[in-house]
Amino acid sequence: MLEIRNLVASVGGNQVLNGINLSIQPGTVHAIMGPNGSGKSTLSNVLAGHPQYIVNSGEVTLDGVDLLAMPPEERARAGVFLCFQHPVEVPGVRMDHFMRAGYNAIHKSRDQEELDPIQFDRILQEKVKIVEIDPVLLKRNVNDGFSGGEKKRNEILQMAMLEPKLSILDEPDSGLDVDSLRIVAEGINALRSPDKAVLLITHYQRILNYVVPDVVNVLINGRIVRSGGKELAAKIEANGYEGQEQGQTLHPSA
């Protein structure tokens, strides 16, 4: 599904990614772990098409199509979704209106029927149950006054509504208490599918106790230096990232 070859990228004039190679197949969850400043969020923003992140060299394809040649809106229509590490508030834009606009834009691009507010609301109310979010929040402005946990659940709700082919989740566990972490993780698991893939970026093993990855990739200094199974995340949790640069690949990328 997603193929990344020798990806080198910069932000603010500083080269951050130094040759990323990664292959992600449908139906799999790939975790990316790494210390602060290793390039995790840079990778997610490059894949989503953030204009401040510059690709210096390399290739990225989604189902054989050049992803880097697409503007962000085309990537979204092609099935790429980014769950933000720090979801922002959007004054003046109601949450359910925002999601219906995105939902209909994607369906229109695929020559599928657009939904009126009543039709959309029926689907939305079913998806709300996945993330246990208060339906009242959907009538408020985007993330306006939401708690940290509500913002993260709202991101997973958008993922549930848009049903992306590739979901890039940038630290969906950051700042969450135990209950919110469980709800977010259960939402991610409920949306796993044989024809979809997830790239899950995290600092900590704790979310991987709920969302079991097919592959754990260690990203250090802009390179994936080691890949393995869930046991690799446990070793990092116990011993930190020191020495991982010299590690051997324990499991091929799925």
Foldseek 3Di string as FASTA:
>chain_A
DKWWFQWWKDAPPGIQAGTETADAAFLFEEEEAEDPSLCLVVVLCQQLAPPRMGTPDTFIDDVNHTSNVDHNVVSVLQFEAEQDPDDDFDPPAAQLNVLLVSQQVSCVVVVHDRDDSVVSVVVLVVLCVLLVADVVSRRHGQCVVPDLLNSLSSSLSSCVSNVGQEYEYAASPPPDDPVSLLSSLSSVVVSRDRRHYYYHYHHALVSCVRVFGPKYFYGGRNYGQEMDGSVVRVCCNVPNCPPSNVDDHHDDRD
